[in-house]
PDB file of N, CA and C in Angstrom:
ATOM      1  N   UNK A   1       9.977 -11.030  -7.340  1.00  0.00           N
ATOM      2  CA  UNK A   1      10.615  -9.803  -7.764  1.00  0.00           C
ATOM      3  C   UNK A   1       9.925  -8.568  -7.092  1.00  0.00           C
ATOM      4  N   UNK A   2      10.575  -7.752  -6.521  1.00  0.00           N
ATOM      5  CA  UNK A   2      10.010  -6.590  -5.867  1.00  0.00           C
ATOM      6  C   UNK A   2       9.723  -5.533  -6.839  1.00  0.00           C
ATOM      7  N   UNK A   3       8.542  -4.881  -6.721  1.00  0.00           N
ATOM      8  CA  UNK A   3       8.096  -3.762  -7.543  1.00  0.00           C
ATOM      9  C   UNK A   3       8.010  -2.468  -6.775  1.00  0.00           C
ATOM     10  N   UNK A   4       8.393  -1.355  -7.384  1.00  0.00           N
ATOM     11  CA  UNK A   4       8.350  -0.123  -6.730  1.00  0.00           C
ATOM     12  C   UNK A   4       7.479   0.923  -7.338  1.00  0.00           C
ATOM     13  N   UNK A   5       6.816   1.709  -6.539  1.00  0.00           N
ATOM     14  CA  UNK A   5       5.898   2.628  -7.049  1.00  0.00           C
ATOM     15  C   UNK A   5       6.025   3.964  -6.242  1.00  0.00           C
ATOM     16  N   UNK A   6       5.884   5.112  -6.934  1.00  0.00           N
ATOM     17  CA  UNK A   6       5.866   6.379  -6.221  1.00  0.00           C
ATOM     18  C   UNK A   6       4.479   6.486  -5.630  1.00  0.00           C
ATOM     19  N   UNK A   7       4.305   7.104  -4.405  1.00  0.00           N
ATOM     20  CA  UNK A   7       2.994   7.168  -3.891  1.00  0.00           C
ATOM     21  C   UNK A   7       3.053   8.264  -2.726  1.00  0.00           C
ATOM     22  N   UNK A   8       1.898   8.507  -2.172  1.00  0.00           N
ATOM     23  CA  UNK A   8       1.818   9.422  -1.039  1.00  0.00           C
ATOM     24  C   UNK A   8       0.836   8.714  -0.053  1.00  0.00           C
ATOM     25  N   UNK A   9       1.210   8.668   1.191  1.00  0.00           N
ATOM     26  CA  UNK A   9       0.301   8.144   2.220  1.00  0.00           C
ATOM     27  C   UNK A   9      -0.650   9.193   2.591  1.00  0.00           C
ATOM     28  N   UNK A  10      -1.917   8.898   2.693  1.00  0.00           N
ATOM     29  CA  UNK A  10      -2.891   9.916   3.106  1.00  0.00           C
ATOM     30  C   UNK A  10      -3.209   9.615   4.566  1.00  0.00           C
ATOM     31  N   UNK A  11      -2.688  10.348   5.462  1.00  0.00           N
ATOM     32  CA  UNK A  11      -2.919  10.194   6.824  1.00  0.00           C
ATOM     33  C   UNK A  11      -2.557  11.497   7.561  1.00  0.00           C
ATOM     34  N   UNK A  12      -3.588  12.230   7.932  1.00  0.00           N
ATOM     35  CA  UNK A  12      -3.405  13.494   8.548  1.00  0.00           C
ATOM     36  C   UNK A  12      -2.618  14.460   7.544  1.00  0.00           C
ATOM     37  N   UNK A  13      -2.948  14.366   6.299  1.00  0.00           N
ATOM     38  CA  UNK A  13      -2.208  15.085   5.192  1.00  0.00           C
ATOM     39  C   UNK A  13      -1.674  14.092   4.233  1.00  0.00           C
ATOM     40  N   UNK A  14      -0.861  14.576   3.304  1.00  0.00           N
ATOM     41  CA  UNK A  14      -0.279  13.809   2.299  1.00  0.00           C
ATOM     42  C   UNK A  14       1.182  13.656   2.528  1.00  0.00           C
ATOM     43  N   UNK A  15       1.685  12.475   2.539  1.00  0.00           N
ATOM     44  CA  UNK A  15       3.168  12.187   2.830  1.00  0.00           C
ATOM     45  C   UNK A  15       3.702  11.356   1.707  1.00  0.00           C
ATOM     46  N   UNK A  16       4.631  12.083   0.960  1.00  0.00           N
ATOM     47  CA  UNK A  16       5.289  11.322  -0.107  1.00  0.00           C
ATOM     48  C   UNK A  16       6.186  10.249   0.233  1.00  0.00           C
ATOM     49  N   UNK A  17       6.409   9.280  -0.622  1.00  0.00           N
ATOM     50  CA  UNK A  17       7.272   8.210  -0.259  1.00  0.00           C
ATOM     51  C   UNK A  17       7.261   7.191  -1.423  1.00  0.00           C
ATOM     52  N   UNK A  18       7.623   5.958  -1.083  1.00  0.00           N
ATOM     53  CA  UNK A  18       7.740   4.924  -2.065  1.00  0.00           C
ATOM     54  C   UNK A  18       6.906   3.697  -1.515  1.00  0.00           C
ATOM     55  N   UNK A  19       6.300   2.948  -2.455  1.00  0.00           N
ATOM     56  CA  UNK A  19       5.623   1.805  -2.080  1.00  0.00           C
ATOM     57  C   UNK A  19       6.296   0.625  -2.765  1.00  0.00           C
ATOM     58  N   UNK A  20       6.603  -0.401  -1.977  1.00  0.00           N
ATOM     59  CA  UNK A  20       7.286  -1.547  -2.519  1.00  0.00           C
ATOM     60  C   UNK A  20       6.365  -2.752  -2.327  1.00  0.00           C
ATOM     61  N   UNK A  21       6.369  -3.638  -3.401  1.00  0.00           N
ATOM     62  CA  UNK A  21       5.472  -4.778  -3.376  1.00  0.00           C
ATOM     63  C   UNK A  21       6.333  -5.932  -3.635  1.00  0.00           C
ATOM     64  N   UNK A  22       6.223  -6.991  -2.777  1.00  0.00           N
ATOM     65  CA  UNK A  22       6.805  -8.285  -3.170  1.00  0.00           C
ATOM     66  C   UNK A  22       5.828  -9.385  -2.741  1.00  0.00           C
ATOM     67  N   UNK A  23       6.218 -10.570  -2.788  1.00  0.00           N
ATOM     68  CA  UNK A  23       5.314 -11.689  -2.502  1.00  0.00           C
ATOM     69  C   UNK A  23       4.887 -11.828  -1.101  1.00  0.00           C
ATOM     70  N   UNK A  24       5.449 -11.062  -0.195  1.00  0.00           N
ATOM     71  CA  UNK A  24       5.087 -11.162   1.168  1.00  0.00           C
ATOM     72  C   UNK A  24       4.383  -9.991   1.735  1.00  0.00           C
ATOM     73  N   UNK A  25       4.674  -8.759   1.226  1.00  0.00           N
ATOM     74  CA  UNK A  25       4.068  -7.495   1.877  1.00  0.00           C
ATOM     75  C   UNK A  25       4.054  -6.397   0.866  1.00  0.00           C
ATOM     76  N   UNK A  26       3.335  -5.364   1.291  1.00  0.00           N
ATOM     77  CA  UNK A  26       3.224  -4.059   0.713  1.00  0.00           C
ATOM     78  C   UNK A  26       3.950  -3.160   1.629  1.00  0.00           C
ATOM     79  N   UNK A  27       5.057  -2.532   1.369  1.00  0.00           N
ATOM     80  CA  UNK A  27       5.787  -1.767   2.306  1.00  0.00           C
ATOM     81  C   UNK A  27       5.912  -0.279   1.829  1.00  0.00           C
ATOM     82  N   UNK A  28       5.601   0.641   2.678  1.00  0.00           N
ATOM     83  CA  UNK A  28       5.564   2.096   2.423  1.00  0.00           C
ATOM     84  C   UNK A  28       6.838   2.542   3.211  1.00  0.00           C
ATOM     85  N   UNK A  29       7.628   3.420   2.515  1.00  0.00           N
ATOM     86  CA  UNK A  29       8.825   4.026   3.158  1.00  0.00           C
ATOM     87  C   UNK A  29       8.898   5.502   2.796  1.00  0.00           C
ATOM     88  N   UNK A  30       9.289   6.233   3.827  1.00  0.00           N
ATOM     89  CA  UNK A  30       9.483   7.723   3.621  1.00  0.00           C
ATOM     90  C   UNK A  30      10.843   8.022   4.462  1.00  0.00           C
ATOM     91  N   UNK A  31      11.442   9.048   4.023  1.00  0.00           N
ATOM     92  CA  UNK A  31      12.568   9.523   4.801  1.00  0.00           C
ATOM     93  C   UNK A  31      12.281  10.758   5.671  1.00  0.00           C
ATOM     94  N   UNK A  32      11.076  11.103   5.758  1.00  0.00           N
ATOM     95  CA  UNK A  32      10.570  12.269   6.467  1.00  0.00           C
ATOM     96  C   UNK A  32      10.761  12.022   7.929  1.00  0.00           C
ATOM     97  N   UNK A  33      11.431  12.802   8.712  1.00  0.00           N
ATOM     98  CA  UNK A  33      11.725  12.567  10.105  1.00  0.00           C
ATOM     99  C   UNK A  33      10.577  13.212  10.967  1.00  0.00           C
ATOM    100  N   UNK A  34       9.816  14.112  10.446  1.00  0.00           N
ATOM    101  CA  UNK A  34       8.765  14.728  11.200  1.00  0.00           C
ATOM    102  C   UNK A  34       7.538  13.833  11.346  1.00  0.00           C
ATOM    103  N   UNK A  35       7.562  12.688  10.741  1.00  0.00           N
ATOM    104  CA  UNK A  35       6.350  11.802  10.741  1.00  0.00           C
ATOM    105  C   UNK A  35       6.482  10.716  11.888  1.00  0.00           C
ATOM    106  N   UNK A  36       5.370  10.392  12.402  1.00  0.00           N
ATOM    107  CA  UNK A  36       5.285   9.257  13.397  1.00  0.00           C
ATOM    108  C   UNK A  36       6.085   8.068  12.871  1.00  0.00           C
ATOM    109  N   UNK A  37       6.982   7.589  13.726  1.00  0.00           N
ATOM    110  CA  UNK A  37       7.918   6.559  13.258  1.00  0.00           C
ATOM    111  C   UNK A  37       7.349   5.329  12.717  1.00  0.00           C
ATOM    112  N   UNK A  38       6.052   4.984  13.088  1.00  0.00           N
ATOM    113  CA  UNK A  38       5.385   3.772  12.570  1.00  0.00           C
ATOM    114  C   UNK A  38       5.039   3.975  11.093  1.00  0.00           C
ATOM    115  N   UNK A  39       4.964   5.197  10.607  1.00  0.00           N
ATOM    116  CA  UNK A  39       4.669   5.409   9.161  1.00  0.00           C
ATOM    117  C   UNK A  39       5.859   5.469   8.336  1.00  0.00           C
ATOM    118  N   UNK A  40       7.106   5.589   8.925  1.00  0.00           N
ATOM    119  CA  UNK A  40       8.342   5.726   8.123  1.00  0.00           C
ATOM    120  C   UNK A  40       8.698   4.401   7.348  1.00  0.00           C
ATOM    121  N   UNK A  41       8.298   3.308   7.893  1.00  0.00           N
ATOM    122  CA  UNK A  41       8.575   2.034   7.312  1.00  0.00           C
ATOM    123  C   UNK A  41       7.368   1.154   7.603  1.00  0.00           C
ATOM    124  N   UNK A  42       6.174   1.377   7.035  1.00  0.00           N
ATOM    125  CA  UNK A  42       5.001   0.742   7.299  1.00  0.00           C
ATOM    126  C   UNK A  42       4.912  -0.512   6.429  1.00  0.00           C
ATOM    127  N   UNK A  43       4.667  -1.698   7.075  1.00  0.00           N
ATOM    128  CA  UNK A  43       4.656  -2.953   6.447  1.00  0.00           C
ATOM    129  C   UNK A  43       3.216  -3.434   6.483  1.00  0.00           C
ATOM    130  N   UNK A  44       2.610  -3.787   5.366  1.00  0.00           N
ATOM    131  CA  UNK A  44       1.322  -4.368   5.394  1.00  0.00           C
ATOM    132  C   UNK A  44       1.424  -5.803   4.721  1.00  0.00           C
ATOM    133  N   UNK A  45       1.377  -6.818   5.518  1.00  0.00           N
ATOM    134  CA  UNK A  45       1.535  -8.159   5.081  1.00  0.00           C
ATOM    135  C   UNK A  45       0.450  -8.498   4.068  1.00  0.00           C
ATOM    136  N   UNK A  46       0.682  -9.100   2.930  1.00  0.00           N
ATOM    137  CA  UNK A  46      -0.354  -9.369   2.049  1.00  0.00           C
ATOM    138  C   UNK A  46      -1.449 -10.235   2.647  1.00  0.00           C
ATOM    139  N   UNK A  47      -1.084 -11.206   3.456  1.00  0.00           N
ATOM    140  CA  UNK A  47      -2.067 -12.112   4.082  1.00  0.00           C
ATOM    141  C   UNK A  47      -3.056 -11.461   5.085  1.00  0.00           C
ATOM    142  N   UNK A  48      -2.665 -10.236   5.510  1.00  0.00           N
ATOM    143  CA  UNK A  48      -3.573  -9.430   6.369  1.00  0.00           C
ATOM    144  C   UNK A  48      -4.456  -8.414   5.755  1.00  0.00           C
ATOM    145  N   UNK A  49      -4.141  -8.231   4.433  1.00  0.00           N
ATOM    146  CA  UNK A  49      -5.150  -7.331   3.678  1.00  0.00           C
ATOM    147  C   UNK A  49      -6.352  -8.034   3.340  1.00  0.00           C
ATOM    148  N   UNK A  50      -7.437  -7.385   3.811  1.00  0.00           N
ATOM    149  CA  UNK A  50      -8.740  -8.057   3.562  1.00  0.00           C
ATOM    150  C   UNK A  50      -9.539  -7.515   2.349  1.00  0.00           C
ATOM    151  N   UNK A  51      -9.233  -6.160   2.033  1.00  0.00           N
ATOM    152  CA  UNK A  51      -9.957  -5.537   0.920  1.00  0.00           C
ATOM    153  C   UNK A  51      -9.195  -4.385   0.398  1.00  0.00           C
ATOM    154  N   UNK A  52      -9.261  -4.114  -0.873  1.00  0.00           N
ATOM    155  CA  UNK A  52      -8.730  -3.023  -1.558  1.00  0.00           C
ATOM    156  C   UNK A  52      -9.766  -2.308  -2.385  1.00  0.00           C
ATOM    157  N   UNK A  53      -9.977  -1.042  -2.133  1.00  0.00           N
ATOM    158  CA  UNK A  53     -10.936  -0.255  -2.989  1.00  0.00           C
ATOM    159  C   UNK A  53     -10.242   0.962  -3.498  1.00  0.00           C
ATOM    160  N   UNK A  54     -10.746   1.430  -4.612  1.00  0.00           N
ATOM    161  CA  UNK A  54     -10.234   2.612  -5.245  1.00  0.00           C
ATOM    162  C   UNK A  54     -11.227   3.729  -4.957  1.00  0.00           C
ATOM    163  N   UNK A  55     -10.758   4.890  -4.559  1.00  0.00           N
ATOM    164  CA  UNK A  55     -11.719   5.995  -4.153  1.00  0.00           C
ATOM    165  C   UNK A  55     -11.541   7.237  -4.997  1.00  0.00           C
ATOM    166  N   UNK A  56     -12.548   7.861  -5.364  1.00  0.00           N
ATOM    167  CA  UNK A  56     -12.530   9.171  -6.010  1.00  0.00           C
ATOM    168  C   UNK A  56     -11.887   9.232  -7.430  1.00  0.00           C
ATOM    169  N   UNK A  57     -11.709  10.480  -7.830  1.00  0.00           N
ATOM    170  CA  UNK A  57     -11.259  10.680  -9.153  1.00  0.00           C
ATOM    171  C   UNK A  57      -9.674  10.423  -9.240  1.00  0.00           C
ATOM    172  N   UNK A  58      -8.931  10.730  -8.207  1.00  0.00           N
ATOM    173  CA  UNK A  58      -7.534  10.405  -8.174  1.00  0.00           C
ATOM    174  C   UNK A  58      -7.268   8.960  -7.902  1.00  0.00           C
ATOM    175  N   UNK A  59      -6.092   8.422  -8.232  1.00  0.00           N
ATOM    176  CA  UNK A  59      -5.818   7.008  -7.970  1.00  0.00           C
ATOM    177  C   UNK A  59      -5.546   6.705  -6.530  1.00  0.00           C
ATOM    178  N   UNK A  60      -6.514   6.829  -5.636  1.00  0.00           N
ATOM    179  CA  UNK A  60      -6.397   6.548  -4.187  1.00  0.00           C
ATOM    180  C   UNK A  60      -6.821   5.138  -3.865  1.00  0.00           C
ATOM    181  N   UNK A  61      -5.985   4.291  -3.354  1.00  0.00           N
ATOM    182  CA  UNK A  61      -6.254   3.047  -2.888  1.00  0.00           C
ATOM    183  C   UNK A  61      -6.430   2.905  -1.477  1.00  0.00           C
ATOM    184  N   UNK A  62      -7.470   2.313  -0.921  1.00  0.00           N
ATOM    185  CA  UNK A  62      -7.760   2.084   0.459  1.00  0.00           C
ATOM    186  C   UNK A  62      -7.553   0.610   0.775  1.00  0.00           C
ATOM    187  N   UNK A  63      -6.571   0.349   1.607  1.00  0.00           N
ATOM    188  CA  UNK A  63      -6.282  -1.001   2.046  1.00  0.00           C
ATOM    189  C   UNK A  63      -6.857  -1.316   3.427  1.00  0.00           C
ATOM    190  N   UNK A  64      -7.848  -2.144   3.559  1.00  0.00           N
ATOM    191  CA  UNK A  64      -8.463  -2.556   4.877  1.00  0.00           C
ATOM    192  C   UNK A  64      -7.761  -3.777   5.371  1.00  0.00           C
ATOM    193  N   UNK A  65      -7.317  -3.743   6.515  1.00  0.00           N
ATOM    194  CA  UNK A  65      -6.481  -4.778   7.185  1.00  0.00           C
ATOM    195  C   UNK A  65      -7.344  -5.665   8.025  1.00  0.00           C
ATOM    196  N   UNK A  66      -6.851  -6.820   8.414  1.00  0.00           N
ATOM    197  CA  UNK A  66      -7.571  -7.793   9.262  1.00  0.00           C
ATOM    198  C   UNK A  66      -7.759  -7.244  10.616  1.00  0.00           C
ATOM    199  N   UNK A  67      -6.952  -6.262  11.091  1.00  0.00           N
ATOM    200  CA  UNK A  67      -7.037  -5.617  12.451  1.00  0.00           C
ATOM    201  C   UNK A  67      -8.049  -4.485  12.473  1.00  0.00           C
ATOM    202  N   UNK A  68      -8.684  -4.187  11.306  1.00  0.00           N
ATOM    203  CA  UNK A  68      -9.598  -3.065  11.195  1.00  0.00           C
ATOM    204  C   UNK A  68      -9.033  -1.790  10.764  1.00  0.00           C
ATOM    205  N   UNK A  69      -7.684  -1.676  10.661  1.00  0.00           N
ATOM    206  CA  UNK A  69      -7.006  -0.418  10.256  1.00  0.00           C
ATOM    207  C   UNK A  69      -7.321  -0.260   8.743  1.00  0.00           C
ATOM    208  N   UNK A  70      -7.276   0.987   8.277  1.00  0.00           N
ATOM    209  CA  UNK A  70      -7.313   1.321   6.939  1.00  0.00           C
ATOM    210  C   UNK A  70      -6.285   2.240   6.546  1.00  0.00           C
ATOM    211  N   UNK A  71      -5.546   1.954   5.473  1.00  0.00           N
ATOM    212  CA  UNK A  71      -4.365   2.864   5.096  1.00  0.00           C
ATOM    213  C   UNK A  71      -4.742   3.257   3.554  1.00  0.00           C
ATOM    214  N   UNK A  72      -4.744   4.579   3.251  1.00  0.00           N
ATOM    215  CA  UNK A  72      -5.005   5.113   2.028  1.00  0.00           C
ATOM    216  C   UNK A  72      -3.723   5.650   1.341  1.00  0.00           C
ATOM    217  N   UNK A  73      -3.514   5.329   0.090  1.00  0.00           N
ATOM    218  CA  UNK A  73      -2.353   5.776  -0.660  1.00  0.00           C
ATOM    219  C   UNK A  73      -2.798   6.352  -1.948  1.00  0.00           C
ATOM    220  N   UNK A  74      -2.203   7.478  -2.401  1.00  0.00           N
ATOM    221  CA  UNK A  74      -2.325   8.028  -3.677  1.00  0.00           C
ATOM    222  C   UNK A  74      -1.202   7.365  -4.568  1.00  0.00           C
ATOM    223  N   UNK A  75      -1.444   6.486  -5.443  1.00  0.00           N
ATOM    224  CA  UNK A  75      -0.533   5.659  -6.111  1.00  0.00           C
ATOM    225  C   UNK A  75      -0.407   6.066  -7.531  1.00  0.00           C
ATOM    226  N   UNK A  76       0.818   6.388  -7.890  1.00  0.00           N
ATOM    227  CA  UNK A  76       1.003   6.874  -9.346  1.00  0.00           C
ATOM    228  C   UNK A  76       1.166   5.582 -10.140  1.00  0.00           C
ATOM    229  N   UNK A  77       0.794   5.641 -11.337  1.00  0.00           N
ATOM    230  CA  UNK A  77       0.823   4.410 -12.321  1.00  0.00           C
ATOM    231  C   UNK A  77      -0.144   3.415 -11.767  1.00  0.00           C
ATOM    232  N   UNK A  78      -1.362   3.798 -11.617  1.00  0.00           N
ATOM    233  CA  UNK A  78      -2.419   2.929 -11.106  1.00  0.00           C
ATOM    234  C   UNK A  78      -2.624   1.575 -11.823  1.00  0.00           C
ATOM    235  N   UNK A  79      -2.538   1.654 -13.169  1.00  0.00           N
ATOM    236  CA  UNK A  79      -2.654   0.464 -13.979  1.00  0.00           C
ATOM    237  C   UNK A  79      -1.604  -0.628 -13.765  1.00  0.00           C
ATOM    238  N   UNK A  80      -0.381  -0.233 -13.631  1.00  0.00           N
ATOM    239  CA  UNK A  80       0.799  -1.127 -13.353  1.00  0.00           C
ATOM    240  C   UNK A  80       0.676  -1.621 -12.013  1.00  0.00           C
ATOM    241  N   UNK A  81       0.274  -0.748 -11.046  1.00  0.00           N
ATOM    242  CA  UNK A  81       0.077  -1.215  -9.638  1.00  0.00           C
ATOM    243  C   UNK A  81      -0.936  -2.314  -9.455  1.00  0.00           C
ATOM    244  N   UNK A  82      -2.097  -2.071 -10.076  1.00  0.00           N
ATOM    245  CA  UNK A  82      -3.212  -3.077 -10.035  1.00  0.00           C
ATOM    246  C   UNK A  82      -2.708  -4.410 -10.546  1.00  0.00           C
ATOM    247  N   UNK A  83      -2.052  -4.488 -11.709  1.00  0.00           N
ATOM    248  CA  UNK A  83      -1.594  -5.682 -12.375  1.00  0.00           C
ATOM    249  C   UNK A  83      -0.668  -6.383 -11.448  1.00  0.00           C
ATOM    250  N   UNK A  84       0.332  -5.655 -10.838  1.00  0.00           N
ATOM    251  CA  UNK A  84       1.343  -6.304 -10.069  1.00  0.00           C
ATOM    252  C   UNK A  84       0.674  -6.793  -8.699  1.00  0.00           C
ATOM    253  N   UNK A  85      -0.150  -5.919  -8.077  1.00  0.00           N
ATOM    254  CA  UNK A  85      -0.732  -6.235  -6.800  1.00  0.00           C
ATOM    255  C   UNK A  85      -1.697  -7.445  -6.899  1.00  0.00           C
ATOM    256  N   UNK A  86      -2.502  -7.519  -7.930  1.00  0.00           N
ATOM    257  CA  UNK A  86      -3.415  -8.599  -8.041  1.00  0.00           C
ATOM    258  C   UNK A  86      -2.638  -9.937  -8.246  1.00  0.00           C
ATOM    259  N   UNK A  87      -1.544  -9.973  -8.967  1.00  0.00           N
ATOM    260  CA  UNK A  87      -0.722 -11.113  -9.144  1.00  0.00           C
ATOM    261  C   UNK A  87      -0.199 -11.603  -7.796  1.00  0.00           C
ATOM    262  N   UNK A  88       0.382 -10.730  -6.973  1.00  0.00           N
ATOM    263  CA  UNK A  88       0.999 -11.130  -5.653  1.00  0.00           C
ATOM    264  C   UNK A  88      -0.178 -11.471  -4.683  1.00  0.00           C
ATOM    265  N   UNK A  89      -1.186 -10.724  -4.685  1.00  0.00           N
ATOM    266  CA  UNK A  89      -2.310 -10.862  -3.742  1.00  0.00           C
ATOM    267  C   UNK A  89      -3.001 -12.173  -3.807  1.00  0.00           C
ATOM    268  N   UNK A  90      -3.222 -12.587  -5.023  1.00  0.00           N
ATOM    269  CA  UNK A  90      -3.994 -13.893  -5.152  1.00  0.00           C
ATOM    270  C   UNK A  90      -3.107 -14.994  -4.806  1.00  0.00           C
ATOM    271  N   UNK A  91      -1.797 -14.903  -4.797  1.00  0.00           N
ATOM    272  CA  UNK A  91      -0.979 -15.957  -4.401  1.00  0.00           C
ATOM    273  C   UNK A  91      -0.749 -16.060  -2.846  1.00  0.00           C
ATOM    274  N   UNK A  92      -1.094 -14.958  -2.108  1.00  0.00           N
ATOM    275  CA  UNK A  92      -0.971 -14.960  -0.665  1.00  0.00           C
ATOM    276  C   UNK A  92      -1.877 -16.134  -0.170  1.00  0.00           C
ATOM    277  N   UNK A  93      -1.370 -16.827   0.823  1.00  0.00           N
ATOM    278  CA  UNK A  93      -2.103 -18.129   1.257  1.00  0.00           C
ATOM    279  C   UNK A  93      -3.564 -17.891   1.692  1.00  0.00           C
ATOM    280  N   UNK A  94      -3.866 -16.761   2.340  1.00  0.00           N
ATOM    281  CA  UNK A  94      -5.217 -16.575   2.845  1.00  0.00           C
ATOM    282  C   UNK A  94      -6.116 -15.869   1.763  1.00  0.00           C
ATOM    283  N   UNK A  95      -5.607 -15.506   0.725  1.00  0.00           N
ATOM    284  CA  UNK A  95      -6.385 -14.741  -0.395  1.00  0.00           C
ATOM    285  C   UNK A  95      -6.601 -15.604  -1.522  1.00  0.00           C
ATOM    286  N   UNK A  96      -5.852 -16.650  -1.772  1.00  0.00           N
ATOM    287  CA  UNK A  96      -5.916 -17.424  -3.021  1.00  0.00           C
ATOM    288  C   UNK A  96      -7.174 -18.295  -3.055  1.00  0.00           C
TER     289      UNK A  96
END
């Protein structure tokens, strides 16, 4: 089942959008045309996420990927996101 969360991508500023989580990937989507095209539909496969950390006072999650990239999101409803993400992430083949 796919879960949806309101969020903002933190990348050269704050960019509002939606974060979608399913058993395969974490997908960020925004309709803003002024943004670099790669961030309009950013897919982070669960099997490539190596670490997730929470930073600061605000609910900012940093996702470190296998290729060394890091993506930070301000995620609303942190508690629900953590519960859903942990359930999917531990099922990912390389994370279980």
